[in-house]
Amino acid sequence: MWPDVVARALACFEDAFKQPGRYLNASEVWQPGLEVEYARENLEEVMLYLPHGARHDLGRLIARIDDEFERRTLPDPGPVSDWTEGGWWWSRIRER
C-alpha cells in the first residue's frame, strides 16, 4: 500500500459519482489504476490491515459506495473471467 491510498480511492469514486445521468460512463481510454474498479480493489485491500474500529468506520462508507456503484452500473452478461474472482465490482459494466 502507498500513502493516501484511501483518500485517492475515495476521490476516484467522488469524481465518478459526479457524472450526470443514471449510469456511469465507461472511460474512453482504459487507464489501469485510475478506474473505479481499481479504487474499490484498493479499499478492499486496506480493510485487511485496519484495526477493528477503523475497519468498521471505513466499511460503512464502502457499503454506501457499493450501493451507489451497483445502482449506477449493470451486471456484465458476459462469461465470468479471472478479473471477477477478486470482487463483485469487476463483474459490472458502466455503459449502456
PDB file of N, CA and C in Angstrom:
ATOM      1  N   MET A   1       0.841  -1.174   0.000  1.00  0.00           N
ATOM      2  CA  MET A   1       0.000   0.000   0.000  1.00  0.00           C
ATOM      3  C   MET A   1       0.886   1.237   0.000  1.00  0.00           C
ATOM      4  N   TRP A   2       0.365   2.295  -0.516  1.00  0.00           N
ATOM      5  CA  TRP A   2       1.115   3.538  -0.597  1.00  0.00           C
ATOM      6  C   TRP A   2       0.364   4.625   0.168  1.00  0.00           C
ATOM      7  N   PRO A   3       1.059   5.711   0.489  1.00  0.00           N
ATOM      8  CA  PRO A   3       0.398   6.795   1.233  1.00  0.00           C
ATOM      9  C   PRO A   3      -0.819   7.327   0.480  1.00  0.00           C
ATOM     10  N   ASP A   4      -1.816   7.697   1.198  1.00  0.00           N
ATOM     11  CA  ASP A   4      -3.039   8.316   0.662  1.00  0.00           C
ATOM     12  C   ASP A   4      -3.883   7.384  -0.204  1.00  0.00           C
ATOM     13  N   VAL A   5      -3.688   6.067  -0.089  1.00  0.00           N
ATOM     14  CA  VAL A   5      -4.451   5.153  -0.935  1.00  0.00           C
ATOM     15  C   VAL A   5      -5.950   5.286  -0.687  1.00  0.00           C
ATOM     16  N   VAL A   6      -6.360   5.453   0.551  1.00  0.00           N
ATOM     17  CA  VAL A   6      -7.786   5.592   0.845  1.00  0.00           C
ATOM     18  C   VAL A   6      -8.313   6.914   0.302  1.00  0.00           C
ATOM     19  N   ALA A   7      -7.589   7.985   0.522  1.00  0.00           N
ATOM     20  CA  ALA A   7      -8.020   9.295   0.019  1.00  0.00           C
ATOM     21  C   ALA A   7      -8.134   9.284  -1.501  1.00  0.00           C
ATOM     22  N   ARG A   8      -7.178   8.668  -2.162  1.00  0.00           N
ATOM     23  CA  ARG A   8      -7.219   8.618  -3.633  1.00  0.00           C
ATOM     24  C   ARG A   8      -8.389   7.773  -4.126  1.00  0.00           C
ATOM     25  N   ALA A   9      -8.641   6.653  -3.461  1.00  0.00           N
ATOM     26  CA  ALA A   9      -9.762   5.798  -3.859  1.00  0.00           C
ATOM     27  C   ALA A   9     -11.091   6.527  -3.661  1.00  0.00           C
ATOM     28  N   LEU A  10     -11.242   7.192  -2.531  1.00  0.00           N
ATOM     29  CA  LEU A  10     -12.487   7.927  -2.274  1.00  0.00           C
ATOM     30  C   LEU A  10     -12.660   9.070  -3.269  1.00  0.00           C
ATOM     31  N   ALA A  11     -11.575   9.754  -3.614  1.00  0.00           N
ATOM     32  CA  ALA A  11     -11.649  10.833  -4.602  1.00  0.00           C
ATOM     33  C   ALA A  11     -12.042  10.281  -5.971  1.00  0.00           C
ATOM     34  N   CYS A  12     -11.569   9.097  -6.310  1.00  0.00           N
ATOM     35  CA  CYS A  12     -11.929   8.467  -7.580  1.00  0.00           C
ATOM     36  C   CYS A  12     -13.436   8.223  -7.645  1.00  0.00           C
ATOM     37  N   PHE A  13     -14.003   7.700  -6.558  1.00  0.00           N
ATOM     38  CA  PHE A  13     -15.448   7.480  -6.533  1.00  0.00           C
ATOM     39  C   PHE A  13     -16.213   8.789  -6.525  1.00  0.00           C
ATOM     40  N   GLU A  14     -15.715   9.768  -5.806  1.00  0.00           N
ATOM     41  CA  GLU A  14     -16.383  11.070  -5.779  1.00  0.00           C
ATOM     42  C   GLU A  14     -16.461  11.655  -7.187  1.00  0.00           C
ATOM     43  N   ASP A  15     -15.368  11.598  -7.921  1.00  0.00           N
ATOM     44  CA  ASP A  15     -15.361  12.096  -9.302  1.00  0.00           C
ATOM     45  C   ASP A  15     -16.315  11.292 -10.183  1.00  0.00           C
ATOM     46  N   ALA A  16     -16.294   9.980 -10.032  1.00  0.00           N
ATOM     47  CA  ALA A  16     -17.160   9.131 -10.854  1.00  0.00           C
ATOM     48  C   ALA A  16     -18.632   9.395 -10.562  1.00  0.00           C
ATOM     49  N   PHE A  17     -18.972   9.553  -9.285  1.00  0.00           N
ATOM     50  CA  PHE A  17     -20.369   9.736  -8.925  1.00  0.00           C
ATOM     51  C   PHE A  17     -20.887  11.136  -9.256  1.00  0.00           C
ATOM     52  N   LYS A  18     -19.997  12.063  -9.602  1.00  0.00           N
ATOM     53  CA  LYS A  18     -20.429  13.390 -10.045  1.00  0.00           C
ATOM     54  C   LYS A  18     -20.928  13.371 -11.484  1.00  0.00           C
ATOM     55  N   GLN A  19     -20.650  12.295 -12.216  1.00  0.00           N
ATOM     56  CA  GLN A  19     -21.094  12.206 -13.605  1.00  0.00           C
ATOM     57  C   GLN A  19     -22.616  12.297 -13.656  1.00  0.00           C
ATOM     58  N   PRO A  20     -23.128  13.076 -14.603  1.00  0.00           N
ATOM     59  CA  PRO A  20     -24.583  13.172 -14.714  1.00  0.00           C
ATOM     60  C   PRO A  20     -25.163  11.889 -15.306  1.00  0.00           C
ATOM     61  N   GLY A  21     -26.429  11.693 -15.076  1.00  0.00           N
ATOM     62  CA  GLY A  21     -27.105  10.547 -15.679  1.00  0.00           C
ATOM     63  C   GLY A  21     -27.220   9.376 -14.727  1.00  0.00           C
ATOM     64  N   ARG A  22     -27.980   8.413 -15.158  1.00  0.00           N
ATOM     65  CA  ARG A  22     -28.275   7.233 -14.345  1.00  0.00           C
ATOM     66  C   ARG A  22     -27.081   6.292 -14.269  1.00  0.00           C
ATOM     67  N   TYR A  23     -26.388   6.100 -15.387  1.00  0.00           N
ATOM     68  CA  TYR A  23     -25.297   5.132 -15.437  1.00  0.00           C
ATOM     69  C   TYR A  23     -23.952   5.826 -15.526  1.00  0.00           C
ATOM     70  N   LEU A  24     -22.942   5.206 -14.936  1.00  0.00           N
ATOM     71  CA  LEU A  24     -21.583   5.714 -15.059  1.00  0.00           C
ATOM     72  C   LEU A  24     -21.105   5.443 -16.477  1.00  0.00           C
ATOM     73  N   ASN A  25     -20.417   6.396 -17.033  1.00  0.00           N
ATOM     74  CA  ASN A  25     -19.854   6.206 -18.367  1.00  0.00           C
ATOM     75  C   ASN A  25     -18.544   5.452 -18.261  1.00  0.00           C
ATOM     76  N   ALA A  26     -18.299   4.614 -19.239  1.00  0.00           N
ATOM     77  CA  ALA A  26     -17.001   3.951 -19.314  1.00  0.00           C
ATOM     78  C   ALA A  26     -15.986   4.961 -19.827  1.00  0.00           C
ATOM     79  N   SER A  27     -14.774   4.819 -19.405  1.00  0.00           N
ATOM     80  CA  SER A  27     -13.722   5.717 -19.872  1.00  0.00           C
ATOM     81  C   SER A  27     -13.481   5.497 -21.355  1.00  0.00           C
ATOM     82  N   GLU A  28     -13.190   6.576 -22.055  1.00  0.00           N
ATOM     83  CA  GLU A  28     -12.858   6.446 -23.470  1.00  0.00           C
ATOM     84  C   GLU A  28     -11.535   5.716 -23.641  1.00  0.00           C
ATOM     85  N   VAL A  29     -10.637   5.948 -22.735  1.00  0.00           N
ATOM     86  CA  VAL A  29      -9.347   5.271 -22.750  1.00  0.00           C
ATOM     87  C   VAL A  29      -9.209   4.544 -21.428  1.00  0.00           C
ATOM     88  N   TRP A  30      -8.957   3.245 -21.496  1.00  0.00           N
ATOM     89  CA  TRP A  30      -8.814   2.454 -20.286  1.00  0.00           C
ATOM     90  C   TRP A  30      -7.505   2.815 -19.622  1.00  0.00           C
ATOM     91  N   GLN A  31      -7.545   3.173 -18.354  1.00  0.00           N
ATOM     92  CA  GLN A  31      -6.357   3.607 -17.624  1.00  0.00           C
ATOM     93  C   GLN A  31      -6.188   2.748 -16.376  1.00  0.00           C
ATOM     94  N   PRO A  32      -5.383   1.695 -16.461  1.00  0.00           N
ATOM     95  CA  PRO A  32      -5.198   0.838 -15.281  1.00  0.00           C
ATOM     96  C   PRO A  32      -4.777   1.655 -14.064  1.00  0.00           C
ATOM     97  N   GLY A  33      -5.399   1.376 -12.956  1.00  0.00           N
ATOM     98  CA  GLY A  33      -5.086   2.065 -11.712  1.00  0.00           C
ATOM     99  C   GLY A  33      -5.910   3.310 -11.485  1.00  0.00           C
ATOM    100  N   LEU A  34      -6.555   3.817 -12.515  1.00  0.00           N
ATOM    101  CA  LEU A  34      -7.354   5.033 -12.372  1.00  0.00           C
ATOM    102  C   LEU A  34      -8.852   4.768 -12.484  1.00  0.00           C
ATOM    103  N   GLU A  35      -9.231   3.553 -12.749  1.00  0.00           N
ATOM    104  CA  GLU A  35     -10.638   3.199 -12.889  1.00  0.00           C
ATOM    105  C   GLU A  35     -11.246   2.960 -11.501  1.00  0.00           C
ATOM    106  N   VAL A  36     -12.559   3.111 -11.382  1.00  0.00           N
ATOM    107  CA  VAL A  36     -13.210   2.917 -10.093  1.00  0.00           C
ATOM    108  C   VAL A  36     -13.069   1.486  -9.589  1.00  0.00           C
ATOM    109  N   GLU A  37     -12.969   0.528 -10.488  1.00  0.00           N
ATOM    110  CA  GLU A  37     -12.795  -0.855 -10.047  1.00  0.00           C
ATOM    111  C   GLU A  37     -11.473  -1.033  -9.302  1.00  0.00           C
ATOM    112  N   TYR A  38     -10.438  -0.369  -9.762  1.00  0.00           N
ATOM    113  CA  TYR A  38      -9.154  -0.422  -9.059  1.00  0.00           C
ATOM    114  C   TYR A  38      -9.247   0.291  -7.711  1.00  0.00           C
ATOM    115  N   ALA A  39      -9.979   1.390  -7.670  1.00  0.00           N
ATOM    116  CA  ALA A  39     -10.170   2.102  -6.405  1.00  0.00           C
ATOM    117  C   ALA A  39     -10.889   1.206  -5.406  1.00  0.00           C
ATOM    118  N   ARG A  40     -11.891   0.485  -5.879  1.00  0.00           N
ATOM    119  CA  ARG A  40     -12.641  -0.415  -4.980  1.00  0.00           C
ATOM    120  C   ARG A  40     -11.750  -1.562  -4.524  1.00  0.00           C
ATOM    121  N   GLU A  41     -10.917  -2.063  -5.401  1.00  0.00           N
ATOM    122  CA  GLU A  41      -9.973  -3.128  -5.047  1.00  0.00           C
ATOM    123  C   GLU A  41      -9.004  -2.644  -3.965  1.00  0.00           C
ATOM    124  N   ASN A  42      -8.536  -1.417  -4.103  1.00  0.00           N
ATOM    125  CA  ASN A  42      -7.627  -0.846  -3.105  1.00  0.00           C
ATOM    126  C   ASN A  42      -8.300  -0.720  -1.745  1.00  0.00           C
ATOM    127  N   LEU A  43      -9.561  -0.287  -1.737  1.00  0.00           N
ATOM    128  CA  LEU A  43     -10.279  -0.178  -0.465  1.00  0.00           C
ATOM    129  C   LEU A  43     -10.436  -1.542   0.188  1.00  0.00           C
ATOM    130  N   GLU A  44     -10.697  -2.551  -0.614  1.00  0.00           N
ATOM    131  CA  GLU A  44     -10.840  -3.903  -0.071  1.00  0.00           C
ATOM    132  C   GLU A  44      -9.537  -4.373   0.575  1.00  0.00           C
ATOM    133  N   GLU A  45      -8.427  -4.074  -0.066  1.00  0.00           N
ATOM    134  CA  GLU A  45      -7.136  -4.488   0.483  1.00  0.00           C
ATOM    135  C   GLU A  45      -6.808  -3.733   1.772  1.00  0.00           C
ATOM    136  N   VAL A  46      -7.102  -2.447   1.806  1.00  0.00           N
ATOM    137  CA  VAL A  46      -6.845  -1.648   3.005  1.00  0.00           C
ATOM    138  C   VAL A  46      -7.612  -2.212   4.192  1.00  0.00           C
ATOM    139  N   MET A  47      -8.836  -2.679   3.951  1.00  0.00           N
ATOM    140  CA  MET A  47      -9.660  -3.216   5.036  1.00  0.00           C
ATOM    141  C   MET A  47      -8.969  -4.367   5.770  1.00  0.00           C
ATOM    142  N   LEU A  48      -8.102  -5.094   5.087  1.00  0.00           N
ATOM    143  CA  LEU A  48      -7.405  -6.229   5.694  1.00  0.00           C
ATOM    144  C   LEU A  48      -6.422  -5.802   6.779  1.00  0.00           C
ATOM    145  N   TYR A  49      -5.962  -4.562   6.713  1.00  0.00           N
ATOM    146  CA  TYR A  49      -4.890  -4.104   7.597  1.00  0.00           C
ATOM    147  C   TYR A  49      -5.342  -3.126   8.683  1.00  0.00           C
ATOM    148  N   LEU A  50      -6.583  -2.715   8.643  1.00  0.00           N
ATOM    149  CA  LEU A  50      -7.060  -1.725   9.609  1.00  0.00           C
ATOM    150  C   LEU A  50      -7.457  -2.373  10.933  1.00  0.00           C
ATOM    151  N   PRO A  51      -7.268  -1.636  12.027  1.00  0.00           N
ATOM    152  CA  PRO A  51      -7.802  -2.127  13.301  1.00  0.00           C
ATOM    153  C   PRO A  51      -9.327  -2.129  13.252  1.00  0.00           C
ATOM    154  N   HIS A  52      -9.927  -2.875  14.163  1.00  0.00           N
ATOM    155  CA  HIS A  52     -11.372  -3.106  14.145  1.00  0.00           C
ATOM    156  C   HIS A  52     -12.206  -1.831  14.006  1.00  0.00           C
ATOM    157  N   GLY A  53     -11.952  -0.833  14.828  1.00  0.00           N
ATOM    158  CA  GLY A  53     -12.761   0.390  14.793  1.00  0.00           C
ATOM    159  C   GLY A  53     -12.679   1.109  13.460  1.00  0.00           C
ATOM    160  N   ALA A  54     -11.483   1.266  12.950  1.00  0.00           N
ATOM    161  CA  ALA A  54     -11.295   1.934  11.657  1.00  0.00           C
ATOM    162  C   ALA A  54     -11.898   1.105  10.534  1.00  0.00           C
ATOM    163  N   ARG A  55     -11.765  -0.220  10.623  1.00  0.00           N
ATOM    164  CA  ARG A  55     -12.328  -1.110   9.598  1.00  0.00           C
ATOM    165  C   ARG A  55     -13.847  -0.978   9.584  1.00  0.00           C
ATOM    166  N   HIS A  56     -14.435  -0.877  10.764  1.00  0.00           N
ATOM    167  CA  HIS A  56     -15.884  -0.708  10.856  1.00  0.00           C
ATOM    168  C   HIS A  56     -16.320   0.614  10.222  1.00  0.00           C
ATOM    169  N   ASP A  57     -15.630   1.696  10.545  1.00  0.00           N
ATOM    170  CA  ASP A  57     -15.978   3.011  10.003  1.00  0.00           C
ATOM    171  C   ASP A  57     -15.821   3.053   8.484  1.00  0.00           C
ATOM    172  N   LEU A  58     -14.686   2.562   7.988  1.00  0.00           N
ATOM    173  CA  LEU A  58     -14.481   2.550   6.538  1.00  0.00           C
ATOM    174  C   LEU A  58     -15.467   1.600   5.872  1.00  0.00           C
ATOM    175  N   GLY A  59     -15.786   0.507   6.529  1.00  0.00           N
ATOM    176  CA  GLY A  59     -16.753  -0.448   5.985  1.00  0.00           C
ATOM    177  C   GLY A  59     -18.121   0.172   5.762  1.00  0.00           C
ATOM    178  N   ARG A  60     -18.550   1.034   6.680  1.00  0.00           N
ATOM    179  CA  ARG A  60     -19.840   1.726   6.491  1.00  0.00           C
ATOM    180  C   ARG A  60     -19.793   2.631   5.266  1.00  0.00           C
ATOM    181  N   LEU A  61     -18.686   3.323   5.066  1.00  0.00           N
ATOM    182  CA  LEU A  61     -18.538   4.185   3.889  1.00  0.00           C
ATOM    183  C   LEU A  61     -18.487   3.347   2.615  1.00  0.00           C
ATOM    184  N   ILE A  62     -17.761   2.246   2.656  1.00  0.00           N
ATOM    185  CA  ILE A  62     -17.675   1.369   1.486  1.00  0.00           C
ATOM    186  C   ILE A  62     -19.048   0.802   1.142  1.00  0.00           C
ATOM    187  N   ALA A  63     -19.860   0.480   2.127  1.00  0.00           N
ATOM    188  CA  ALA A  63     -21.206  -0.031   1.866  1.00  0.00           C
ATOM    189  C   ALA A  63     -22.029   0.991   1.089  1.00  0.00           C
ATOM    190  N   ARG A  64     -21.913   2.263   1.442  1.00  0.00           N
ATOM    191  CA  ARG A  64     -22.636   3.315   0.699  1.00  0.00           C
ATOM    192  C   ARG A  64     -22.082   3.455  -0.710  1.00  0.00           C
ATOM    193  N   ILE A  65     -20.755   3.364  -0.854  1.00  0.00           N
ATOM    194  CA  ILE A  65     -20.135   3.422  -2.180  1.00  0.00           C
ATOM    195  C   ILE A  65     -20.618   2.241  -3.022  1.00  0.00           C
ATOM    196  N   ASP A  66     -20.627   1.054  -2.435  1.00  0.00           N
ATOM    197  CA  ASP A  66     -21.067  -0.139  -3.161  1.00  0.00           C
ATOM    198  C   ASP A  66     -22.508  -0.009  -3.633  1.00  0.00           C
ATOM    199  N   ASP A  67     -23.375   0.504  -2.771  1.00  0.00           N
ATOM    200  CA  ASP A  67     -24.775   0.691  -3.158  1.00  0.00           C
ATOM    201  C   ASP A  67     -24.895   1.621  -4.365  1.00  0.00           C
ATOM    202  N   GLU A  68     -24.168   2.730  -4.335  1.00  0.00           N
ATOM    203  CA  GLU A  68     -24.231   3.689  -5.446  1.00  0.00           C
ATOM    204  C   GLU A  68     -23.586   3.116  -6.700  1.00  0.00           C
ATOM    205  N   PHE A  69     -22.469   2.426  -6.547  1.00  0.00           N
ATOM    206  CA  PHE A  69     -21.800   1.819  -7.705  1.00  0.00           C
ATOM    207  C   PHE A  69     -22.696   0.761  -8.343  1.00  0.00           C
ATOM    208  N   GLU A  70     -23.332  -0.059  -7.522  1.00  0.00           N
ATOM    209  CA  GLU A  70     -24.229  -1.085  -8.063  1.00  0.00           C
ATOM    210  C   GLU A  70     -25.441  -0.448  -8.739  1.00  0.00           C
ATOM    211  N   ARG A  71     -25.952   0.629  -8.157  1.00  0.00           N
ATOM    212  CA  ARG A  71     -27.112   1.323  -8.738  1.00  0.00           C
ATOM    213  C   ARG A  71     -26.787   1.932 -10.091  1.00  0.00           C
ATOM    214  N   ARG A  72     -25.549   2.390 -10.258  1.00  0.00           N
ATOM    215  CA  ARG A  72     -25.179   3.121 -11.473  1.00  0.00           C
ATOM    216  C   ARG A  72     -24.416   2.277 -12.491  1.00  0.00           C
ATOM    217  N   THR A  73     -24.395   0.970 -12.291  1.00  0.00           N
ATOM    218  CA  THR A  73     -23.779   0.055 -13.251  1.00  0.00           C
ATOM    219  C   THR A  73     -24.748  -1.076 -13.545  1.00  0.00           C
ATOM    220  N   LEU A  74     -24.376  -1.911 -14.487  1.00  0.00           N
ATOM    221  CA  LEU A  74     -25.200  -3.050 -14.876  1.00  0.00           C
ATOM    222  C   LEU A  74     -24.404  -4.338 -14.731  1.00  0.00           C
ATOM    223  N   PRO A  75     -25.089  -5.464 -14.489  1.00  0.00           N
ATOM    224  CA  PRO A  75     -24.371  -6.730 -14.451  1.00  0.00           C
ATOM    225  C   PRO A  75     -23.785  -7.031 -15.823  1.00  0.00           C
ATOM    226  N   ASP A  76     -22.600  -7.567 -15.852  1.00  0.00           N
ATOM    227  CA  ASP A  76     -21.960  -7.943 -17.108  1.00  0.00           C
ATOM    228  C   ASP A  76     -22.547  -9.272 -17.566  1.00  0.00           C
ATOM    229  N   PRO A  77     -23.213  -9.285 -18.734  1.00  0.00           N
ATOM    230  CA  PRO A  77     -23.834 -10.530 -19.193  1.00  0.00           C
ATOM    231  C   PRO A  77     -22.822 -11.529 -19.768  1.00  0.00           C
ATOM    232  N   GLY A  78     -21.581 -11.115 -19.891  1.00  0.00           N
ATOM    233  CA  GLY A  78     -20.559 -11.977 -20.476  1.00  0.00           C
ATOM    234  C   GLY A  78     -20.125 -13.078 -19.533  1.00  0.00           C
ATOM    235  N   PRO A  79     -19.257 -13.931 -20.014  1.00  0.00           N
ATOM    236  CA  PRO A  79     -18.769 -15.031 -19.179  1.00  0.00           C
ATOM    237  C   PRO A  79     -17.917 -14.513 -18.022  1.00  0.00           C
ATOM    238  N   VAL A  80     -17.852 -15.280 -16.966  1.00  0.00           N
ATOM    239  CA  VAL A  80     -17.043 -14.937 -15.798  1.00  0.00           C
ATOM    240  C   VAL A  80     -15.575 -15.032 -16.188  1.00  0.00           C
ATOM    241  N   SER A  81     -14.814 -14.022 -15.813  1.00  0.00           N
ATOM    242  CA  SER A  81     -13.390 -14.016 -16.142  1.00  0.00           C
ATOM    243  C   SER A  81     -12.557 -14.083 -14.867  1.00  0.00           C
ATOM    244  N   ASP A  82     -11.268 -14.174 -15.031  1.00  0.00           N
ATOM    245  CA  ASP A  82     -10.366 -14.179 -13.885  1.00  0.00           C
ATOM    246  C   ASP A  82     -10.482 -12.895 -13.072  1.00  0.00           C
ATOM    247  N   TRP A  83     -10.819 -11.779 -13.725  1.00  0.00           N
ATOM    248  CA  TRP A  83     -10.939 -10.487 -13.034  1.00  0.00           C
ATOM    249  C   TRP A  83     -12.017 -10.517 -11.972  1.00  0.00           C
ATOM    250  N   THR A  84     -13.116 -11.225 -12.242  1.00  0.00           N
ATOM    251  CA  THR A  84     -14.247 -11.198 -11.320  1.00  0.00           C
ATOM    252  C   THR A  84     -13.996 -12.006 -10.059  1.00  0.00           C
ATOM    253  N   GLU A  85     -12.945 -12.804 -10.028  1.00  0.00           N
ATOM    254  CA  GLU A  85     -12.644 -13.580  -8.827  1.00  0.00           C
ATOM    255  C   GLU A  85     -12.229 -12.671  -7.673  1.00  0.00           C
ATOM    256  N   GLY A  86     -11.674 -11.494  -7.972  1.00  0.00           N
ATOM    257  CA  GLY A  86     -11.219 -10.594  -6.922  1.00  0.00           C
ATOM    258  C   GLY A  86     -12.336  -9.917  -6.180  1.00  0.00           C
ATOM    259  N   GLY A  87     -13.393  -9.543  -6.841  1.00  0.00           N
ATOM    260  CA  GLY A  87     -14.504  -8.859  -6.204  1.00  0.00           C
ATOM    261  C   GLY A  87     -15.651  -8.673  -7.180  1.00  0.00           C
ATOM    262  N   TRP A  88     -16.841  -8.534  -6.650  1.00  0.00           N
ATOM    263  CA  TRP A  88     -18.039  -8.411  -7.492  1.00  0.00           C
ATOM    264  C   TRP A  88     -17.990  -7.194  -8.409  1.00  0.00           C
ATOM    265  N   TRP A  89     -17.270  -6.149  -8.004  1.00  0.00           N
ATOM    266  CA  TRP A  89     -17.229  -4.905  -8.786  1.00  0.00           C
ATOM    267  C   TRP A  89     -16.586  -5.104 -10.153  1.00  0.00           C
ATOM    268  N   TRP A  90     -15.789  -6.145 -10.323  1.00  0.00           N
ATOM    269  CA  TRP A  90     -15.185  -6.424 -11.627  1.00  0.00           C
ATOM    270  C   TRP A  90     -16.195  -7.002 -12.605  1.00  0.00           C
ATOM    271  N   SER A  91     -17.345  -7.464 -12.110  1.00  0.00           N
ATOM    272  CA  SER A  91     -18.338  -8.066 -12.989  1.00  0.00           C
ATOM    273  C   SER A  91     -19.467  -7.098 -13.318  1.00  0.00           C
ATOM    274  N   ARG A  92     -19.203  -5.813 -13.225  1.00  0.00           N
ATOM    275  CA  ARG A  92     -20.192  -4.783 -13.556  1.00  0.00           C
ATOM    276  C   ARG A  92     -19.717  -4.008 -14.784  1.00  0.00           C
ATOM    277  N   ILE A  93     -20.647  -3.525 -15.571  1.00  0.00           N
ATOM    278  CA  ILE A  93     -20.297  -2.694 -16.719  1.00  0.00           C
ATOM    279  C   ILE A  93     -20.875  -1.302 -16.507  1.00  0.00           C
ATOM    280  N   ARG A  94     -20.195  -0.320 -17.089  1.00  0.00           N
ATOM    281  CA  ARG A  94     -20.587   1.074 -16.843  1.00  0.00           C
ATOM    282  C   ARG A  94     -21.232   1.753 -18.023  1.00  0.00           C
ATOM    283  N   GLU A  95     -21.342   1.079 -19.140  1.00  0.00           N
ATOM    284  CA  GLU A  95     -22.003   1.725 -20.267  1.00  0.00           C
ATOM    285  C   GLU A  95     -23.274   0.960 -20.610  1.00  0.00           C
ATOM    286  N   ARG A  96     -24.196   1.675 -21.233  1.00  0.00           N
ATOM    287  CA  ARG A  96     -25.450   1.021 -21.632  1.00  0.00           C
ATOM    288  C   ARG A  96     -25.316   0.468 -23.016  1.00  0.00           C
TER     289      ARG A  96
END
